Every structure is written in C-alpha cells, then in structure tokens.
N, C-alpha and C. Protein backbone atom coordinates (compact mmCIF):
# COMPACT_ATOMS: atom_id res chain seq x y z
N UNK A 1 -42.04 -49.19 -26.48
CA UNK A 1 -43.00 -48.26 -25.91
C UNK A 1 -42.40 -47.65 -24.66
N UNK A 2 -42.57 -46.35 -24.50
CA UNK A 2 -42.12 -45.71 -23.28
C UNK A 2 -43.05 -46.10 -22.15
N UNK A 3 -42.75 -45.64 -20.97
CA UNK A 3 -43.55 -45.99 -19.80
C UNK A 3 -45.01 -45.56 -20.01
N UNK A 4 -45.96 -46.52 -19.85
CA UNK A 4 -47.36 -46.18 -20.03
C UNK A 4 -47.80 -45.12 -19.02
N UNK A 5 -48.62 -44.16 -19.47
CA UNK A 5 -49.06 -43.11 -18.55
C UNK A 5 -50.57 -43.09 -18.37
N UNK A 6 -51.26 -44.11 -18.87
CA UNK A 6 -52.69 -44.22 -18.63
C UNK A 6 -53.04 -45.69 -18.47
N UNK A 7 -54.22 -45.93 -17.91
CA UNK A 7 -54.66 -47.31 -17.73
C UNK A 7 -54.75 -48.01 -19.08
N UNK A 8 -55.29 -47.32 -20.08
CA UNK A 8 -55.43 -47.92 -21.40
C UNK A 8 -54.07 -48.27 -21.99
N UNK A 9 -53.11 -47.36 -21.89
CA UNK A 9 -51.77 -47.64 -22.41
C UNK A 9 -51.13 -48.81 -21.66
N UNK A 10 -51.35 -48.87 -20.35
CA UNK A 10 -50.79 -49.97 -19.57
C UNK A 10 -51.41 -51.29 -19.99
N UNK A 11 -52.72 -51.31 -20.21
CA UNK A 11 -53.38 -52.53 -20.66
C UNK A 11 -52.86 -52.94 -22.04
N UNK A 12 -52.70 -51.98 -22.93
CA UNK A 12 -52.18 -52.28 -24.27
C UNK A 12 -50.75 -52.82 -24.18
N UNK A 13 -49.96 -52.24 -23.29
CA UNK A 13 -48.60 -52.72 -23.07
C UNK A 13 -48.63 -54.16 -22.56
N UNK A 14 -49.51 -54.44 -21.61
CA UNK A 14 -49.63 -55.79 -21.05
C UNK A 14 -50.09 -56.78 -22.12
N UNK A 15 -51.01 -56.37 -22.98
CA UNK A 15 -51.46 -57.24 -24.07
C UNK A 15 -50.29 -57.57 -24.99
N UNK A 16 -49.51 -56.57 -25.35
CA UNK A 16 -48.35 -56.81 -26.21
C UNK A 16 -47.36 -57.76 -25.54
N UNK A 17 -47.19 -57.63 -24.23
CA UNK A 17 -46.30 -58.53 -23.50
C UNK A 17 -46.82 -59.97 -23.52
N UNK A 18 -48.15 -60.13 -23.42
CA UNK A 18 -48.74 -61.46 -23.47
C UNK A 18 -48.54 -62.09 -24.84
N UNK A 19 -48.69 -61.30 -25.90
CA UNK A 19 -48.45 -61.81 -27.26
C UNK A 19 -47.00 -62.22 -27.40
N UNK A 20 -46.09 -61.38 -26.89
CA UNK A 20 -44.66 -61.70 -26.94
C UNK A 20 -44.38 -62.99 -26.17
N UNK A 21 -44.98 -63.15 -25.00
CA UNK A 21 -44.78 -64.36 -24.20
C UNK A 21 -45.33 -65.58 -24.94
N UNK A 22 -46.47 -65.41 -25.59
CA UNK A 22 -47.06 -66.51 -26.37
C UNK A 22 -46.06 -66.98 -27.43
N UNK A 23 -45.49 -66.04 -28.17
CA UNK A 23 -44.52 -66.38 -29.22
C UNK A 23 -43.26 -67.00 -28.62
N UNK A 24 -42.80 -66.46 -27.50
CA UNK A 24 -41.62 -66.98 -26.83
C UNK A 24 -41.82 -68.44 -26.46
N UNK A 25 -42.97 -68.76 -25.85
CA UNK A 25 -43.21 -70.14 -25.41
C UNK A 25 -43.41 -71.09 -26.58
N UNK A 26 -44.01 -70.61 -27.67
CA UNK A 26 -44.12 -71.46 -28.86
C UNK A 26 -42.73 -71.74 -29.44
N UNK A 27 -41.88 -70.72 -29.46
CA UNK A 27 -40.51 -70.91 -29.95
C UNK A 27 -39.77 -71.90 -29.06
N UNK A 28 -39.98 -71.81 -27.76
CA UNK A 28 -39.34 -72.76 -26.83
C UNK A 28 -39.85 -74.17 -27.07
N UNK A 29 -41.15 -74.30 -27.28
CA UNK A 29 -41.74 -75.62 -27.52
C UNK A 29 -41.13 -76.27 -28.75
N UNK A 30 -40.85 -75.47 -29.77
CA UNK A 30 -40.23 -76.00 -30.98
C UNK A 30 -38.77 -76.36 -30.76
N UNK A 31 -38.15 -75.76 -29.76
CA UNK A 31 -36.71 -75.95 -29.53
C UNK A 31 -36.40 -77.19 -28.69
N UNK A 32 -37.25 -77.51 -27.71
CA UNK A 32 -36.93 -78.58 -26.77
C UNK A 32 -37.25 -79.95 -27.36
N UNK A 33 -36.47 -80.93 -26.96
CA UNK A 33 -36.68 -82.30 -27.43
C UNK A 33 -37.56 -83.10 -26.48
N UNK A 34 -37.52 -82.77 -25.21
CA UNK A 34 -38.29 -83.50 -24.20
C UNK A 34 -39.78 -83.24 -24.40
N UNK A 35 -40.58 -84.31 -24.64
CA UNK A 35 -42.02 -84.12 -24.88
C UNK A 35 -42.75 -83.45 -23.71
N UNK A 36 -42.36 -83.73 -22.48
CA UNK A 36 -43.02 -83.11 -21.32
C UNK A 36 -42.72 -81.61 -21.28
N UNK A 37 -41.48 -81.24 -21.57
CA UNK A 37 -41.13 -79.82 -21.60
C UNK A 37 -41.84 -79.12 -22.76
N UNK A 38 -41.91 -79.80 -23.90
CA UNK A 38 -42.61 -79.22 -25.06
C UNK A 38 -44.07 -78.94 -24.69
N UNK A 39 -44.72 -79.90 -24.05
CA UNK A 39 -46.12 -79.72 -23.65
C UNK A 39 -46.25 -78.57 -22.65
N UNK A 40 -45.31 -78.46 -21.71
CA UNK A 40 -45.36 -77.38 -20.73
C UNK A 40 -45.29 -76.02 -21.44
N UNK A 41 -44.37 -75.88 -22.40
CA UNK A 41 -44.25 -74.61 -23.12
C UNK A 41 -45.49 -74.34 -23.97
N UNK A 42 -46.04 -75.36 -24.60
CA UNK A 42 -47.26 -75.17 -25.38
C UNK A 42 -48.42 -74.75 -24.48
N UNK A 43 -48.51 -75.37 -23.31
CA UNK A 43 -49.56 -75.00 -22.35
C UNK A 43 -49.40 -73.56 -21.90
N UNK A 44 -48.16 -73.16 -21.61
CA UNK A 44 -47.91 -71.78 -21.20
C UNK A 44 -48.26 -70.81 -22.32
N UNK A 45 -47.96 -71.17 -23.55
CA UNK A 45 -48.32 -70.31 -24.69
C UNK A 45 -49.83 -70.11 -24.73
N UNK A 46 -50.57 -71.18 -24.50
CA UNK A 46 -52.03 -71.08 -24.47
C UNK A 46 -52.52 -70.23 -23.31
N UNK A 47 -51.90 -70.36 -22.16
CA UNK A 47 -52.29 -69.54 -21.00
C UNK A 47 -52.06 -68.06 -21.26
N UNK A 48 -50.99 -67.75 -21.97
CA UNK A 48 -50.72 -66.35 -22.27
C UNK A 48 -51.80 -65.77 -23.18
N UNK A 49 -52.35 -66.57 -24.08
CA UNK A 49 -53.46 -66.11 -24.92
C UNK A 49 -54.71 -65.87 -24.07
N UNK A 50 -54.90 -66.71 -23.05
CA UNK A 50 -56.04 -66.50 -22.14
C UNK A 50 -55.86 -65.18 -21.38
N UNK A 51 -54.65 -64.89 -20.95
CA UNK A 51 -54.36 -63.63 -20.27
C UNK A 51 -54.66 -62.46 -21.21
N UNK A 52 -54.23 -62.60 -22.46
CA UNK A 52 -54.46 -61.56 -23.46
C UNK A 52 -55.95 -61.28 -23.62
N UNK A 53 -56.73 -62.33 -23.68
CA UNK A 53 -58.18 -62.16 -23.84
C UNK A 53 -58.79 -61.42 -22.65
N UNK A 54 -58.34 -61.73 -21.45
CA UNK A 54 -58.85 -61.03 -20.26
C UNK A 54 -58.48 -59.56 -20.28
N UNK A 55 -57.26 -59.27 -20.72
CA UNK A 55 -56.83 -57.87 -20.80
C UNK A 55 -57.60 -57.12 -21.88
N UNK A 56 -57.86 -57.79 -22.99
CA UNK A 56 -58.64 -57.16 -24.05
C UNK A 56 -60.05 -56.81 -23.56
N UNK A 57 -60.61 -57.65 -22.73
CA UNK A 57 -61.92 -57.36 -22.15
C UNK A 57 -61.85 -56.08 -21.31
N UNK A 58 -60.77 -55.90 -20.57
CA UNK A 58 -60.61 -54.69 -19.77
C UNK A 58 -60.53 -53.45 -20.67
N UNK A 59 -59.85 -53.59 -21.82
CA UNK A 59 -59.78 -52.48 -22.77
C UNK A 59 -61.18 -52.15 -23.29
N UNK A 60 -61.94 -53.18 -23.60
CA UNK A 60 -63.31 -52.97 -24.09
C UNK A 60 -64.20 -52.32 -23.03
N UNK A 61 -63.95 -52.64 -21.75
CA UNK A 61 -64.72 -52.02 -20.67
C UNK A 61 -64.47 -50.51 -20.61
N UNK A 62 -63.33 -50.09 -21.13
CA UNK A 62 -63.01 -48.66 -21.18
C UNK A 62 -63.67 -47.99 -22.38
N UNK A 63 -64.42 -48.78 -23.16
CA UNK A 63 -65.09 -48.23 -24.33
C UNK A 63 -64.20 -48.15 -25.54
N UNK A 64 -63.09 -48.86 -25.53
CA UNK A 64 -62.13 -48.83 -26.63
C UNK A 64 -62.22 -50.12 -27.43
N UNK A 65 -61.75 -50.07 -28.65
CA UNK A 65 -61.66 -51.27 -29.46
C UNK A 65 -60.26 -51.85 -29.31
N UNK A 66 -60.16 -53.13 -29.56
CA UNK A 66 -58.88 -53.81 -29.45
C UNK A 66 -58.23 -53.83 -30.82
N UNK A 67 -56.97 -53.46 -30.86
CA UNK A 67 -56.22 -53.41 -32.12
C UNK A 67 -56.08 -54.81 -32.70
N UNK A 68 -56.41 -54.97 -33.97
CA UNK A 68 -56.35 -56.29 -34.60
C UNK A 68 -54.93 -56.73 -34.93
N UNK A 69 -53.99 -55.80 -35.04
CA UNK A 69 -52.61 -56.19 -35.38
C UNK A 69 -51.93 -56.93 -34.23
N UNK A 70 -52.57 -57.00 -33.07
CA UNK A 70 -51.98 -57.71 -31.95
C UNK A 70 -52.42 -59.17 -31.90
N UNK A 71 -53.10 -59.64 -32.95
CA UNK A 71 -53.52 -61.02 -32.99
C UNK A 71 -52.27 -61.91 -33.07
N UNK A 72 -52.22 -62.95 -32.26
CA UNK A 72 -51.03 -63.80 -32.26
C UNK A 72 -50.93 -64.66 -33.51
N UNK A 73 -49.71 -64.90 -33.92
CA UNK A 73 -49.44 -65.79 -35.03
C UNK A 73 -48.39 -66.78 -34.59
N UNK A 74 -47.72 -67.36 -35.51
CA UNK A 74 -46.65 -68.30 -35.19
C UNK A 74 -45.35 -67.53 -35.00
N UNK A 75 -44.51 -67.99 -34.10
CA UNK A 75 -43.21 -67.33 -33.95
C UNK A 75 -42.35 -67.61 -35.17
N UNK A 76 -41.39 -66.75 -35.37
CA UNK A 76 -40.47 -66.99 -36.47
C UNK A 76 -39.62 -68.22 -36.13
N UNK A 77 -38.98 -68.77 -37.14
CA UNK A 77 -38.16 -69.95 -36.91
C UNK A 77 -37.05 -69.67 -35.92
N UNK A 78 -36.60 -68.43 -35.88
CA UNK A 78 -35.52 -68.08 -34.97
C UNK A 78 -35.95 -66.84 -34.19
N UNK A 79 -36.48 -67.04 -33.02
CA UNK A 79 -36.98 -65.96 -32.17
C UNK A 79 -35.82 -65.04 -31.81
N UNK A 80 -35.96 -63.76 -32.11
CA UNK A 80 -34.90 -62.78 -31.85
C UNK A 80 -35.31 -61.89 -30.68
N UNK A 81 -34.44 -61.78 -29.70
CA UNK A 81 -34.70 -60.93 -28.55
C UNK A 81 -34.41 -59.47 -28.91
N UNK A 82 -34.86 -58.56 -28.07
CA UNK A 82 -34.70 -57.14 -28.37
C UNK A 82 -33.23 -56.72 -28.48
N UNK A 83 -32.33 -57.46 -27.84
CA UNK A 83 -30.92 -57.10 -27.94
C UNK A 83 -30.23 -57.75 -29.15
N UNK A 84 -31.03 -58.45 -29.99
CA UNK A 84 -30.48 -59.07 -31.19
C UNK A 84 -30.03 -60.50 -31.00
N UNK A 85 -30.08 -61.02 -29.79
CA UNK A 85 -29.69 -62.39 -29.51
C UNK A 85 -30.76 -63.34 -30.03
N UNK A 86 -30.34 -64.38 -30.72
CA UNK A 86 -31.27 -65.40 -31.19
C UNK A 86 -31.51 -66.41 -30.08
N UNK A 87 -32.77 -66.73 -29.85
CA UNK A 87 -33.14 -67.69 -28.81
C UNK A 87 -32.44 -69.02 -29.02
N UNK A 88 -32.33 -69.44 -30.27
CA UNK A 88 -31.70 -70.73 -30.54
C UNK A 88 -30.21 -70.74 -30.23
N UNK A 89 -29.62 -69.56 -30.09
CA UNK A 89 -28.20 -69.46 -29.75
C UNK A 89 -27.95 -69.47 -28.25
N UNK A 90 -29.01 -69.38 -27.46
CA UNK A 90 -28.87 -69.31 -26.01
C UNK A 90 -28.83 -70.71 -25.41
N UNK A 91 -28.11 -70.84 -24.31
CA UNK A 91 -28.14 -72.09 -23.56
C UNK A 91 -29.48 -72.19 -22.85
N UNK A 92 -29.95 -73.43 -22.62
CA UNK A 92 -31.26 -73.63 -22.04
C UNK A 92 -31.39 -72.97 -20.66
N UNK A 93 -30.33 -73.02 -19.87
CA UNK A 93 -30.39 -72.40 -18.54
C UNK A 93 -30.61 -70.89 -18.66
N UNK A 94 -30.02 -70.27 -19.68
CA UNK A 94 -30.20 -68.84 -19.89
C UNK A 94 -31.61 -68.52 -20.37
N UNK A 95 -32.18 -69.42 -21.16
CA UNK A 95 -33.56 -69.24 -21.60
C UNK A 95 -34.50 -69.32 -20.39
N UNK A 96 -34.22 -70.25 -19.48
CA UNK A 96 -35.04 -70.35 -18.27
C UNK A 96 -34.93 -69.08 -17.43
N UNK A 97 -33.73 -68.53 -17.32
CA UNK A 97 -33.56 -67.27 -16.58
C UNK A 97 -34.34 -66.14 -17.25
N UNK A 98 -34.29 -66.09 -18.57
CA UNK A 98 -35.05 -65.09 -19.31
C UNK A 98 -36.55 -65.26 -19.08
N UNK A 99 -37.01 -66.49 -19.11
CA UNK A 99 -38.43 -66.76 -18.87
C UNK A 99 -38.84 -66.32 -17.47
N UNK A 100 -37.98 -66.55 -16.48
CA UNK A 100 -38.27 -66.10 -15.11
C UNK A 100 -38.39 -64.57 -15.07
N UNK A 101 -37.49 -63.89 -15.75
CA UNK A 101 -37.54 -62.42 -15.79
C UNK A 101 -38.83 -61.94 -16.46
N UNK A 102 -39.22 -62.59 -17.53
CA UNK A 102 -40.44 -62.21 -18.24
C UNK A 102 -41.67 -62.39 -17.34
N UNK A 103 -41.72 -63.49 -16.64
CA UNK A 103 -42.86 -63.75 -15.77
C UNK A 103 -42.88 -62.77 -14.59
N UNK A 104 -41.72 -62.44 -14.06
CA UNK A 104 -41.65 -61.47 -12.97
C UNK A 104 -42.12 -60.10 -13.44
N UNK A 105 -41.72 -59.71 -14.65
CA UNK A 105 -42.15 -58.43 -15.20
C UNK A 105 -43.66 -58.41 -15.41
N UNK A 106 -44.21 -59.50 -15.91
CA UNK A 106 -45.66 -59.58 -16.12
C UNK A 106 -46.39 -59.48 -14.77
N UNK A 107 -45.87 -60.15 -13.75
CA UNK A 107 -46.45 -60.06 -12.42
C UNK A 107 -46.50 -58.61 -11.95
N UNK A 108 -45.38 -57.89 -12.11
CA UNK A 108 -45.33 -56.50 -11.66
C UNK A 108 -46.31 -55.61 -12.43
N UNK A 109 -46.48 -55.87 -13.71
CA UNK A 109 -47.45 -55.10 -14.50
C UNK A 109 -48.84 -55.25 -13.90
N UNK A 110 -49.24 -56.48 -13.62
CA UNK A 110 -50.60 -56.71 -13.12
C UNK A 110 -50.80 -56.15 -11.73
N UNK A 111 -49.80 -56.27 -10.89
CA UNK A 111 -49.90 -55.70 -9.54
C UNK A 111 -50.03 -54.19 -9.62
N UNK A 112 -49.26 -53.56 -10.49
CA UNK A 112 -49.34 -52.11 -10.65
C UNK A 112 -50.68 -51.66 -11.22
N UNK A 113 -51.28 -52.49 -12.06
CA UNK A 113 -52.58 -52.14 -12.64
C UNK A 113 -53.72 -52.21 -11.62
N UNK A 114 -53.56 -53.04 -10.59
CA UNK A 114 -54.62 -53.23 -9.61
C UNK A 114 -55.09 -51.91 -9.01
N UNK A 115 -54.17 -51.02 -8.67
CA UNK A 115 -54.56 -49.76 -8.04
C UNK A 115 -55.36 -48.85 -8.96
N UNK A 116 -55.31 -49.11 -10.26
CA UNK A 116 -56.05 -48.30 -11.23
C UNK A 116 -57.32 -48.99 -11.72
N UNK A 117 -57.61 -50.17 -11.21
CA UNK A 117 -58.78 -50.92 -11.65
C UNK A 117 -60.06 -50.16 -11.27
N UNK A 118 -61.00 -50.06 -12.20
CA UNK A 118 -62.21 -49.28 -11.94
C UNK A 118 -63.24 -49.98 -11.06
N UNK A 119 -63.12 -51.30 -10.93
CA UNK A 119 -64.11 -52.03 -10.14
C UNK A 119 -63.50 -53.29 -9.54
N UNK A 120 -64.25 -53.92 -8.65
CA UNK A 120 -63.76 -55.11 -7.95
C UNK A 120 -63.51 -56.27 -8.93
N UNK A 121 -64.36 -56.42 -9.92
CA UNK A 121 -64.18 -57.49 -10.91
C UNK A 121 -62.85 -57.34 -11.63
N UNK A 122 -62.53 -56.14 -12.02
CA UNK A 122 -61.25 -55.88 -12.71
C UNK A 122 -60.08 -56.14 -11.77
N UNK A 123 -60.19 -55.70 -10.52
CA UNK A 123 -59.12 -55.95 -9.54
C UNK A 123 -58.88 -57.44 -9.36
N UNK A 124 -59.96 -58.20 -9.22
CA UNK A 124 -59.84 -59.64 -9.04
C UNK A 124 -59.19 -60.31 -10.26
N UNK A 125 -59.56 -59.87 -11.45
CA UNK A 125 -58.99 -60.42 -12.67
C UNK A 125 -57.49 -60.14 -12.73
N UNK A 126 -57.10 -58.91 -12.41
CA UNK A 126 -55.69 -58.55 -12.45
C UNK A 126 -54.88 -59.30 -11.40
N UNK A 127 -55.45 -59.46 -10.22
CA UNK A 127 -54.77 -60.23 -9.17
C UNK A 127 -54.64 -61.70 -9.58
N UNK A 128 -55.66 -62.22 -10.24
CA UNK A 128 -55.61 -63.59 -10.72
C UNK A 128 -54.50 -63.75 -11.77
N UNK A 129 -54.39 -62.79 -12.69
CA UNK A 129 -53.32 -62.84 -13.68
C UNK A 129 -51.95 -62.75 -13.02
N UNK A 130 -51.82 -61.89 -12.02
CA UNK A 130 -50.55 -61.77 -11.30
C UNK A 130 -50.18 -63.10 -10.65
N UNK A 131 -51.18 -63.74 -10.05
CA UNK A 131 -50.94 -65.03 -9.40
C UNK A 131 -50.52 -66.09 -10.42
N UNK A 132 -51.14 -66.10 -11.58
CA UNK A 132 -50.77 -67.06 -12.62
C UNK A 132 -49.34 -66.83 -13.10
N UNK A 133 -48.94 -65.57 -13.21
CA UNK A 133 -47.57 -65.28 -13.64
C UNK A 133 -46.56 -65.75 -12.60
N UNK A 134 -46.89 -65.63 -11.33
CA UNK A 134 -46.01 -66.13 -10.28
C UNK A 134 -45.88 -67.65 -10.39
N UNK A 135 -46.98 -68.32 -10.66
CA UNK A 135 -46.93 -69.78 -10.82
C UNK A 135 -46.04 -70.17 -11.99
N UNK A 136 -46.13 -69.41 -13.09
CA UNK A 136 -45.26 -69.68 -14.23
C UNK A 136 -43.79 -69.53 -13.82
N UNK A 137 -43.50 -68.45 -13.11
CA UNK A 137 -42.12 -68.20 -12.68
C UNK A 137 -41.62 -69.33 -11.78
N UNK A 138 -42.48 -69.79 -10.88
CA UNK A 138 -42.08 -70.89 -9.99
C UNK A 138 -41.80 -72.17 -10.77
N UNK A 139 -42.56 -72.42 -11.83
CA UNK A 139 -42.30 -73.59 -12.67
C UNK A 139 -40.91 -73.50 -13.29
N UNK A 140 -40.56 -72.31 -13.77
CA UNK A 140 -39.24 -72.13 -14.37
C UNK A 140 -38.14 -72.22 -13.33
N UNK A 141 -38.38 -71.68 -12.15
CA UNK A 141 -37.38 -71.77 -11.09
C UNK A 141 -37.12 -73.23 -10.72
N UNK A 142 -38.18 -74.03 -10.63
CA UNK A 142 -38.02 -75.45 -10.31
C UNK A 142 -37.24 -76.16 -11.41
N UNK A 143 -37.54 -75.85 -12.65
CA UNK A 143 -36.83 -76.46 -13.77
C UNK A 143 -35.36 -76.02 -13.77
N UNK A 144 -35.11 -74.77 -13.46
CA UNK A 144 -33.75 -74.26 -13.41
C UNK A 144 -32.97 -74.94 -12.28
N UNK A 145 -33.59 -75.06 -11.12
CA UNK A 145 -32.93 -75.75 -10.00
C UNK A 145 -32.60 -77.20 -10.35
N UNK A 146 -33.53 -77.86 -11.01
CA UNK A 146 -33.29 -79.25 -11.41
C UNK A 146 -32.14 -79.34 -12.41
N UNK A 147 -32.08 -78.38 -13.32
CA UNK A 147 -31.01 -78.33 -14.30
C UNK A 147 -29.66 -78.14 -13.64
N UNK A 148 -29.61 -77.26 -12.63
CA UNK A 148 -28.35 -77.03 -11.91
C UNK A 148 -27.90 -78.25 -11.14
N UNK A 149 -28.86 -79.01 -10.60
CA UNK A 149 -28.51 -80.23 -9.86
C UNK A 149 -27.95 -81.30 -10.77
N UNK A 150 -28.40 -81.32 -12.03
CA UNK A 150 -27.91 -82.28 -13.00
C UNK A 150 -26.48 -81.98 -13.43
N UNK A 151 -26.12 -80.69 -13.38
CA UNK A 151 -24.80 -80.27 -13.88
C UNK A 151 -23.67 -80.66 -12.96
C-alpha cells in the first residue's frame, strides 16, 4: 500500500500491520524452543489481535464496515518477509531486530494517527496502543541485550 492519505486508509493500514504482527509472533512462537519465549510470542500475538479490534472499532466509528478478508488465520509454516527472506532462515538476533523495527513502526503509526483522531476517546485509545507497542519493543530490546551478553 502506498502512503495512506486519509484517516480511514491509515486505520486500514494499521489493521493490516496488526494482522501481520499477529502472524509474525505466531510464527516465532512455533520457531522457539524455550517455553517462556514461546509463551511471550503467543501473548504478543494475542495482544496484536486486541489492537486490531480497537482499530476496527475506530473504522466503524467512521461509519465504515470492516473488511472480512483481514480476519487473522494461522501463519504459514515458513513465514516469508516482503524481501523474500524466510523467517526460519534468519538468526534469532536478526528476528529480534526485525521485531523491534516492527514495533517502532507500529508506534509511529499510532502517534501519527493521534492528530487526526475525531474525539478524546479515540486519541486516548491511539495513545494507549502506541504505549503498548513501545512496551513490546522494550521487551525485544531486553531480550536482544541478554542474547548479546550470552555471546
């Protein structure tokens, strides 16, 4: 999708990003052997669906219907990134870096949406989502730092 030029397009873009994040975290959960890490990725996948639901509510507030093709499913056995790289072919540290980038991008989307929010409730919801994405990024940064210390 090119750069969104309306609030509705931006919300739809953000919803698609949340679905993508959901699939990414499920694929990660299937990849890791550590039960605690698996649970963390599964929890994050669930949180992304919660974000999606909040964004869909904002779309409905605009008087629009939510596209059904954006319903989340299971990730493919081999999650493929937009550049053609298979997730299973990446080193774990690189996956953590990718996850940090994804969370940072999601944070920026929500912060940018705040100025276009039609009411205080919408602004608060978007700020809350931005804050949650920052927390996700911090979790990955901590895991990445721990991984570097082990090396």
